[in-house]
Amino acid sequence: MKSLLPRLLTLLCVTVCLQAQSTETAYLLKAGDIIRIRMSPETPKYRADYLDVEVQIRNDGKFSMPLLNDVPADGLTTSELRQILEGRFTRYLKEPRVAVDLLKKSQK
């Protein structure tokens, strides 16, 4: 019974965190939003500095960043965009890990 309690508490914490995350990521990106894209700490320093960017989504729903050029973002959540970026970065990096944060919502 003692070993069951820590497992139940861990499961509860994970469930609460996932619910909070899904609520936060429900926002759909749109033109005018400002986002920050950061590479994981495991990315070699020279690449991380080059690839960590803050960008505004253009009126066409895309943004530009090094190596990837134009990336569509309109209508995606930050989690969906993160998955797309990680997929596109596999051409250049082994097991890329990317974080995408919404810095400022568009006033449109």
Foldseek 3Di string as FASTA:
>chain_A
DVVVVVVVVVVVVVVVVVVVVCVVQPDAAAAFWKKWKAWDPVPPPVVRVQFTDIWGQHNVQWTQGPPPGTDHRGGGTQVVSQVVVQVSCVVPDPRIGMGMDTDGHGPD
